[in-house]
Amino acid sequence: MSKEVLAVVEIMANEKGVDEEIIFDAIETALATATRRSHDDEIDARVEIDRETGDYNTYRRWEVIEDSVAIEDNVGWYIREMDAVEIDPNIEVGEFIEEPIESIDFGRIGAQTAKQVIIQKVREAERKKVVEVYEKRVGEILTGQVKRIDRGDVILDMGENVDAVIPRSELINREVFRIGDRVRAYLQEVTFRPRGPQLFMSRSCNEMLIELFKIEVPEIS
């Protein structure tokens, strides 16, 4: 199975164009989830894969909580501080007590479960990558293609599945765009939202005019 793990990591990393560590992390998450489900979610688990060999170990773990905290759900996931210090005198609240348990077979996690977790992790990585790329370009004039008009806001397709929005309030008075028009705008802000990165742009801010002057009259810059 260790070779199968390494093969999946290599194939998915190449196919999705992401770091292999993202795929390793996704498989660890999928294996841990499958382990918890095999115990009816009565235990918490962590899986650690050897990046060189593909071998993996599974650990049941308990989160250390304060003695006064009432445990209502997932009782088997926690251990009170007074009990934890008997196992490890140096343990602190918020840390974990772990013990090795039998690992489930990689094939048992199910292709669908593994695929879902991997896709989720890959999407998260892709979104973070987009944020990192565009955060460096805040303050620049960028070009996008009008994808749709939403209540007066202009949604631009920036390429590579990245959208940007020019709020109605940031448009030049009376200008009208149609689907497919190519539009230049000033990138003001990049935010990270549950659905993915959001780029906010403007065509009416003072910075837009300044940057346009720099482009048209290089001596100004």
C-alpha atoms as a PDB file:
ATOM      1  CA  MET A   1       0.000   0.000   0.000  1.00  0.00           C
ATOM      2  CA  SER A   2       2.914   2.358   0.617  1.00  0.00           C
ATOM      3  CA  LYS A   3       3.726   2.348  -3.109  1.00  0.00           C
ATOM      4  CA  GLU A   4       0.070   3.048  -3.882  1.00  0.00           C
ATOM      5  CA  VAL A   5       0.115   6.081  -1.586  1.00  0.00           C
ATOM      6  CA  LEU A   6       3.221   7.481  -3.260  1.00  0.00           C
ATOM      7  CA  ALA A   7       1.749   6.822  -6.710  1.00  0.00           C
ATOM      8  CA  VAL A   8      -1.474   8.677  -5.873  1.00  0.00           C
ATOM      9  CA  VAL A   9       0.505  11.607  -4.471  1.00  0.00           C
ATOM     10  CA  GLU A  10       2.672  11.895  -7.576  1.00  0.00           C
ATOM     11  CA  ILE A  11      -0.227  11.565 -10.024  1.00  0.00           C
ATOM     12  CA  MET A  12      -2.503  14.052  -8.228  1.00  0.00           C
ATOM     13  CA  ALA A  13       0.280  16.586  -7.662  1.00  0.00           C
ATOM     14  CA  ASN A  14       1.193  16.536 -11.355  1.00  0.00           C
ATOM     15  CA  GLU A  15      -2.428  16.561 -12.517  1.00  0.00           C
ATOM     16  CA  LYS A  16      -3.450  19.490 -10.290  1.00  0.00           C
ATOM     17  CA  GLY A  17      -0.154  21.348 -10.418  1.00  0.00           C
ATOM     18  CA  VAL A  18       0.195  21.622  -6.640  1.00  0.00           C
ATOM     19  CA  ASP A  19       2.895  20.742  -4.148  1.00  0.00           C
ATOM     20  CA  GLU A  20       3.000  17.066  -3.136  1.00  0.00           C
ATOM     21  CA  GLU A  21       2.682  18.116   0.507  1.00  0.00           C
ATOM     22  CA  ILE A  22      -0.889  19.248  -0.208  1.00  0.00           C
ATOM     23  CA  ILE A  23      -1.762  15.755  -1.448  1.00  0.00           C
ATOM     24  CA  PHE A  24      -0.016  14.034   1.475  1.00  0.00           C
ATOM     25  CA  ASP A  25      -2.000  16.225   3.866  1.00  0.00           C
ATOM     26  CA  ALA A  26      -5.244  15.413   2.046  1.00  0.00           C
ATOM     27  CA  ILE A  27      -4.620  11.654   2.225  1.00  0.00           C
ATOM     28  CA  GLU A  28      -3.769  11.907   5.927  1.00  0.00           C
ATOM     29  CA  THR A  29      -7.045  13.739   6.475  1.00  0.00           C
ATOM     30  CA  ALA A  30      -8.995  11.134   4.476  1.00  0.00           C
ATOM     31  CA  LEU A  31      -7.411   8.248   6.397  1.00  0.00           C
ATOM     32  CA  ALA A  32      -8.072   9.944   9.742  1.00  0.00           C
ATOM     33  CA  THR A  33     -11.693  10.593   8.758  1.00  0.00           C
ATOM     34  CA  ALA A  34     -12.155   6.960   7.706  1.00  0.00           C
ATOM     35  CA  THR A  35     -10.598   5.795  10.982  1.00  0.00           C
ATOM     36  CA  ARG A  36     -13.016   7.903  13.025  1.00  0.00           C
ATOM     37  CA  ARG A  37     -15.963   6.603  11.004  1.00  0.00           C
ATOM     38  CA  SER A  38     -14.868   3.004  11.534  1.00  0.00           C
ATOM     39  CA  HIS A  39     -15.220   3.706  15.266  1.00  0.00           C
ATOM     40  CA  ASP A  40     -18.588   5.469  14.826  1.00  0.00           C
ATOM     41  CA  ASP A  41     -16.880   8.817  15.458  1.00  0.00           C
ATOM     42  CA  GLU A  42     -16.325   7.838  19.087  1.00  0.00           C
ATOM     43  CA  ILE A  43     -12.599   8.538  18.825  1.00  0.00           C
ATOM     44  CA  ASP A  44     -10.414  11.236  17.285  1.00  0.00           C
ATOM     45  CA  ALA A  45      -7.511  10.127  15.133  1.00  0.00           C
ATOM     46  CA  ARG A  46      -4.405  11.428  13.423  1.00  0.00           C
ATOM     47  CA  VAL A  47      -2.499   9.800  10.569  1.00  0.00           C
ATOM     48  CA  GLU A  48       1.122  10.470   9.710  1.00  0.00           C
ATOM     49  CA  ILE A  49       2.573   9.381   6.365  1.00  0.00           C
ATOM     50  CA  ASP A  50       6.295   8.902   5.834  1.00  0.00           C
ATOM     51  CA  ARG A  51       7.017  11.146   2.836  1.00  0.00           C
ATOM     52  CA  GLU A  52       9.869   8.925   1.658  1.00  0.00           C
ATOM     53  CA  THR A  53       8.375   5.435   1.935  1.00  0.00           C
ATOM     54  CA  GLY A  54       4.616   6.033   1.861  1.00  0.00           C
ATOM     55  CA  ASP A  55       4.200   4.002   5.063  1.00  0.00           C
ATOM     56  CA  TYR A  56       1.820   5.505   7.596  1.00  0.00           C
ATOM     57  CA  ASN A  57       0.961   5.263  11.282  1.00  0.00           C
ATOM     58  CA  THR A  58      -2.338   6.012  12.980  1.00  0.00           C
ATOM     59  CA  TYR A  59      -2.806   7.464  16.434  1.00  0.00           C
ATOM     60  CA  ARG A  60      -5.844   7.779  18.620  1.00  0.00           C
ATOM     61  CA  ARG A  61      -5.700  11.143  20.312  1.00  0.00           C
ATOM     62  CA  TRP A  62      -7.367  13.036  23.129  1.00  0.00           C
ATOM     63  CA  GLU A  63      -7.352  16.804  23.405  1.00  0.00           C
ATOM     64  CA  VAL A  64      -6.460  18.033  26.886  1.00  0.00           C
ATOM     65  CA  ILE A  65      -9.174  20.273  28.338  1.00  0.00           C
ATOM     66  CA  GLU A  66      -9.582  22.121  31.619  1.00  0.00           C
ATOM     67  CA  ASP A  67     -11.020  20.094  34.477  1.00  0.00           C
ATOM     68  CA  SER A  68     -14.050  22.389  34.781  1.00  0.00           C
ATOM     69  CA  VAL A  69     -15.162  22.067  31.144  1.00  0.00           C
ATOM     70  CA  ALA A  70     -18.346  20.060  30.604  1.00  0.00           C
ATOM     71  CA  ILE A  71     -18.090  17.479  27.816  1.00  0.00           C
ATOM     72  CA  GLU A  72     -21.387  16.961  25.999  1.00  0.00           C
ATOM     73  CA  ASP A  73     -20.414  15.660  22.558  1.00  0.00           C
ATOM     74  CA  ASN A  74     -17.562  13.445  21.335  1.00  0.00           C
ATOM     75  CA  VAL A  75     -16.686  12.395  24.870  1.00  0.00           C
ATOM     76  CA  GLY A  76     -13.996  10.040  23.596  1.00  0.00           C
ATOM     77  CA  TRP A  77     -12.126  12.924  21.967  1.00  0.00           C
ATOM     78  CA  TYR A  78     -11.087  14.650  25.188  1.00  0.00           C
ATOM     79  CA  ILE A  79      -9.200  14.095  28.409  1.00  0.00           C
ATOM     80  CA  ARG A  80      -9.249  16.304  31.474  1.00  0.00           C
ATOM     81  CA  GLU A  81      -6.028  17.995  32.511  1.00  0.00           C
ATOM     82  CA  MET A  82      -5.955  16.209  35.878  1.00  0.00           C
ATOM     83  CA  ASP A  83      -5.913  12.837  34.082  1.00  0.00           C
ATOM     84  CA  ALA A  84      -3.576  13.933  31.292  1.00  0.00           C
ATOM     85  CA  VAL A  85      -0.778  15.048  33.635  1.00  0.00           C
ATOM     86  CA  GLU A  86      -0.657  11.540  35.075  1.00  0.00           C
ATOM     87  CA  ILE A  87       0.353  10.341  31.606  1.00  0.00           C
ATOM     88  CA  ASP A  88       2.588  13.301  30.734  1.00  0.00           C
ATOM     89  CA  PRO A  89       3.450  15.738  33.559  1.00  0.00           C
ATOM     90  CA  ASN A  90       4.459  18.407  31.013  1.00  0.00           C
ATOM     91  CA  ILE A  91       1.224  18.320  28.985  1.00  0.00           C
ATOM     92  CA  GLU A  92      -0.801  21.532  28.708  1.00  0.00           C
ATOM     93  CA  VAL A  93      -4.412  22.367  27.923  1.00  0.00           C
ATOM     94  CA  GLY A  94      -4.972  22.394  24.148  1.00  0.00           C
ATOM     95  CA  GLU A  95      -2.302  19.769  23.455  1.00  0.00           C
ATOM     96  CA  PHE A  96      -2.948  16.101  22.687  1.00  0.00           C
ATOM     97  CA  ILE A  97      -2.295  12.759  24.309  1.00  0.00           C
ATOM     98  CA  GLU A  98      -1.740  10.102  21.638  1.00  0.00           C
ATOM     99  CA  GLU A  99      -1.375   6.343  21.428  1.00  0.00           C
ATOM    100  CA  PRO A 100      -0.735   4.169  18.344  1.00  0.00           C
ATOM    101  CA  ILE A 101      -3.659   2.148  16.981  1.00  0.00           C
ATOM    102  CA  GLU A 102      -4.062  -0.172  14.011  1.00  0.00           C
ATOM    103  CA  SER A 103      -4.095   1.632  10.678  1.00  0.00           C
ATOM    104  CA  ILE A 104      -6.891   1.007   8.209  1.00  0.00           C
ATOM    105  CA  ASP A 105      -6.017  -0.154   4.721  1.00  0.00           C
ATOM    106  CA  PHE A 106      -5.507   2.666   2.223  1.00  0.00           C
ATOM    107  CA  GLY A 107      -7.943   0.996  -0.165  1.00  0.00           C
ATOM    108  CA  ARG A 108     -10.705   1.057   2.452  1.00  0.00           C
ATOM    109  CA  ILE A 109     -11.016   4.825   2.615  1.00  0.00           C
ATOM    110  CA  GLY A 110     -12.906   4.643  -0.668  1.00  0.00           C
ATOM    111  CA  ALA A 111     -11.982   6.355  -3.874  1.00  0.00           C
ATOM    112  CA  GLN A 112     -14.848   8.836  -3.572  1.00  0.00           C
ATOM    113  CA  THR A 113     -13.928   9.927  -0.038  1.00  0.00           C
ATOM    114  CA  ALA A 114     -10.268  10.301  -0.915  1.00  0.00           C
ATOM    115  CA  LYS A 115     -11.105  12.208  -4.081  1.00  0.00           C
ATOM    116  CA  GLN A 116     -13.413  14.614  -2.235  1.00  0.00           C
ATOM    117  CA  VAL A 117     -10.821  15.402   0.422  1.00  0.00           C
ATOM    118  CA  ILE A 118      -8.037  15.795  -2.118  1.00  0.00           C
ATOM    119  CA  ILE A 119     -10.151  18.088  -4.314  1.00  0.00           C
ATOM    120  CA  GLN A 120     -11.043  20.203  -1.285  1.00  0.00           C
ATOM    121  CA  LYS A 121      -7.406  20.542  -0.248  1.00  0.00           C
ATOM    122  CA  VAL A 122      -6.318  21.305  -3.806  1.00  0.00           C
ATOM    123  CA  ARG A 123      -8.968  24.000  -4.137  1.00  0.00           C
ATOM    124  CA  GLU A 124      -7.839  25.573  -0.878  1.00  0.00           C
ATOM    125  CA  ALA A 125      -4.251  25.571  -2.126  1.00  0.00           C
ATOM    126  CA  GLU A 126      -5.274  27.055  -5.474  1.00  0.00           C
ATOM    127  CA  ARG A 127      -7.265  29.806  -3.760  1.00  0.00           C
ATOM    128  CA  LYS A 128      -4.381  30.704  -1.479  1.00  0.00           C
ATOM    129  CA  LYS A 129      -2.082  30.784  -4.491  1.00  0.00           C
ATOM    130  CA  VAL A 130      -4.426  33.218  -6.272  1.00  0.00           C
ATOM    131  CA  VAL A 131      -4.509  35.481  -3.222  1.00  0.00           C
ATOM    132  CA  GLU A 132      -0.715  35.465  -2.973  1.00  0.00           C
ATOM    133  CA  VAL A 133      -0.327  36.304  -6.672  1.00  0.00           C
ATOM    134  CA  TYR A 134      -2.836  39.144  -6.740  1.00  0.00           C
ATOM    135  CA  GLU A 135      -1.905  40.621  -3.364  1.00  0.00           C
ATOM    136  CA  LYS A 136       1.424  41.478  -4.963  1.00  0.00           C
ATOM    137  CA  ARG A 137      -0.428  43.294  -7.756  1.00  0.00           C
ATOM    138  CA  VAL A 138      -2.618  45.534  -5.619  1.00  0.00           C
ATOM    139  CA  GLY A 139      -2.066  49.056  -6.908  1.00  0.00           C
ATOM    140  CA  GLU A 140      -1.716  48.004 -10.540  1.00  0.00           C
ATOM    141  CA  ILE A 141      -4.022  48.450 -13.514  1.00  0.00           C
ATOM    142  CA  LEU A 142      -5.155  45.055 -14.780  1.00  0.00           C
ATOM    143  CA  THR A 143      -7.257  43.974 -17.737  1.00  0.00           C
ATOM    144  CA  GLY A 144     -10.188  41.574 -17.622  1.00  0.00           C
ATOM    145  CA  GLN A 145     -13.101  40.551 -19.807  1.00  0.00           C
ATOM    146  CA  VAL A 146     -16.678  41.353 -18.798  1.00  0.00           C
ATOM    147  CA  LYS A 147     -18.277  38.095 -17.673  1.00  0.00           C
ATOM    148  CA  ARG A 148     -21.611  39.441 -16.477  1.00  0.00           C
ATOM    149  CA  ILE A 149     -23.360  42.475 -15.013  1.00  0.00           C
ATOM    150  CA  ASP A 150     -24.839  41.928 -11.552  1.00  0.00           C
ATOM    151  CA  ARG A 151     -27.098  44.726 -10.269  1.00  0.00           C
ATOM    152  CA  GLY A 152     -24.851  47.296 -11.820  1.00  0.00           C
ATOM    153  CA  ASP A 153     -21.616  45.683 -10.640  1.00  0.00           C
ATOM    154  CA  VAL A 154     -19.295  44.559 -13.429  1.00  0.00           C
ATOM    155  CA  ILE A 155     -17.845  41.068 -13.008  1.00  0.00           C
ATOM    156  CA  LEU A 156     -14.582  40.517 -14.872  1.00  0.00           C
ATOM    157  CA  ASP A 157     -12.999  37.253 -15.946  1.00  0.00           C
ATOM    158  CA  MET A 158      -9.295  37.630 -15.162  1.00  0.00           C
ATOM    159  CA  GLY A 159      -8.370  34.218 -16.565  1.00  0.00           C
ATOM    160  CA  GLU A 160      -7.478  30.942 -14.811  1.00  0.00           C
ATOM    161  CA  ASN A 161     -10.896  30.828 -13.088  1.00  0.00           C
ATOM    162  CA  VAL A 162     -10.304  34.123 -11.286  1.00  0.00           C
ATOM    163  CA  ASP A 163     -13.061  36.741 -11.172  1.00  0.00           C
ATOM    164  CA  ALA A 164     -12.905  40.385 -10.158  1.00  0.00           C
ATOM    165  CA  VAL A 165     -15.669  42.850  -9.396  1.00  0.00           C
ATOM    166  CA  ILE A 166     -15.932  46.538 -10.182  1.00  0.00           C
ATOM    167  CA  PRO A 167     -18.699  47.798  -7.873  1.00  0.00           C
ATOM    168  CA  ARG A 168     -21.223  50.085  -9.478  1.00  0.00           C
ATOM    169  CA  SER A 169     -19.956  52.907  -7.248  1.00  0.00           C
ATOM    170  CA  GLU A 170     -16.449  52.486  -8.698  1.00  0.00           C
ATOM    171  CA  LEU A 171     -17.478  52.877 -12.331  1.00  0.00           C
ATOM    172  CA  ILE A 172     -17.087  56.100 -14.277  1.00  0.00           C
ATOM    173  CA  ASN A 173     -20.378  57.956 -14.522  1.00  0.00           C
ATOM    174  CA  ARG A 174     -22.622  56.767 -17.387  1.00  0.00           C
ATOM    175  CA  GLU A 175     -20.153  54.256 -18.827  1.00  0.00           C
ATOM    176  CA  VAL A 176     -21.756  51.074 -20.114  1.00  0.00           C
ATOM    177  CA  PHE A 177     -20.144  47.685 -20.699  1.00  0.00           C
ATOM    178  CA  ARG A 178     -21.317  44.601 -22.554  1.00  0.00           C
ATOM    179  CA  ILE A 179     -20.507  40.942 -22.074  1.00  0.00           C
ATOM    180  CA  GLY A 180     -17.143  40.232 -23.688  1.00  0.00           C
ATOM    181  CA  ASP A 181     -15.783  43.786 -23.446  1.00  0.00           C
ATOM    182  CA  ARG A 182     -12.173  44.049 -22.295  1.00  0.00           C
ATOM    183  CA  VAL A 183     -11.844  46.477 -19.406  1.00  0.00           C
ATOM    184  CA  ARG A 184      -8.900  48.005 -17.572  1.00  0.00           C
ATOM    185  CA  ALA A 185      -9.299  48.763 -13.880  1.00  0.00           C
ATOM    186  CA  TYR A 186      -7.246  49.506 -10.775  1.00  0.00           C
ATOM    187  CA  LEU A 187      -6.845  46.622  -8.314  1.00  0.00           C
ATOM    188  CA  GLN A 188      -7.730  48.001  -4.882  1.00  0.00           C
ATOM    189  CA  GLU A 189      -8.104  44.973  -2.647  1.00  0.00           C
ATOM    190  CA  VAL A 190      -7.902  41.189  -2.502  1.00  0.00           C
ATOM    191  CA  THR A 191      -9.957  39.328   0.086  1.00  0.00           C
ATOM    192  CA  PHE A 192     -10.360  35.642   0.898  1.00  0.00           C
ATOM    193  CA  ARG A 193     -13.937  34.397   1.167  1.00  0.00           C
ATOM    194  CA  PRO A 194     -15.459  30.908   1.608  1.00  0.00           C
ATOM    195  CA  ARG A 195     -16.225  30.711  -2.113  1.00  0.00           C
ATOM    196  CA  GLY A 196     -12.710  31.779  -2.981  1.00  0.00           C
ATOM    197  CA  PRO A 197     -10.600  34.896  -3.532  1.00  0.00           C
ATOM    198  CA  GLN A 198     -12.397  38.122  -4.367  1.00  0.00           C
ATOM    199  CA  LEU A 199     -10.685  40.915  -6.295  1.00  0.00           C
ATOM    200  CA  PHE A 200     -12.105  44.413  -5.912  1.00  0.00           C
ATOM    201  CA  MET A 201     -11.298  46.912  -8.648  1.00  0.00           C
ATOM    202  CA  SER A 202     -12.069  50.526  -9.504  1.00  0.00           C
ATOM    203  CA  ARG A 203     -12.222  52.693 -12.600  1.00  0.00           C
ATOM    204  CA  SER A 204     -13.031  55.966 -10.873  1.00  0.00           C
ATOM    205  CA  CYS A 205     -10.502  56.236  -8.038  1.00  0.00           C
ATOM    206  CA  ASN A 206      -7.711  58.822  -8.166  1.00  0.00           C
ATOM    207  CA  GLU A 207      -5.104  56.061  -8.175  1.00  0.00           C
ATOM    208  CA  MET A 208      -6.515  54.784 -11.472  1.00  0.00           C
ATOM    209  CA  LEU A 209      -5.881  58.144 -13.110  1.00  0.00           C
ATOM    210  CA  ILE A 210      -2.377  58.373 -11.670  1.00  0.00           C
ATOM    211  CA  GLU A 211      -1.451  54.902 -12.941  1.00  0.00           C
ATOM    212  CA  LEU A 212      -2.891  55.701 -16.374  1.00  0.00           C
ATOM    213  CA  PHE A 213      -0.736  58.821 -16.553  1.00  0.00           C
ATOM    214  CA  LYS A 214       2.303  56.720 -15.652  1.00  0.00           C
ATOM    215  CA  ILE A 215       1.493  54.337 -18.498  1.00  0.00           C
ATOM    216  CA  GLU A 216       0.840  57.074 -21.054  1.00  0.00           C
ATOM    217  CA  VAL A 217       3.628  59.373 -19.864  1.00  0.00           C
ATOM    218  CA  PRO A 218       6.488  57.163 -18.589  1.00  0.00           C
ATOM    219  CA  GLU A 219       8.468  60.215 -17.453  1.00  0.00           C
ATOM    220  CA  ILE A 220       5.952  60.739 -14.613  1.00  0.00           C
ATOM    221  CA  SER A 221       6.890  57.452 -12.961  1.00  0.00           C
END
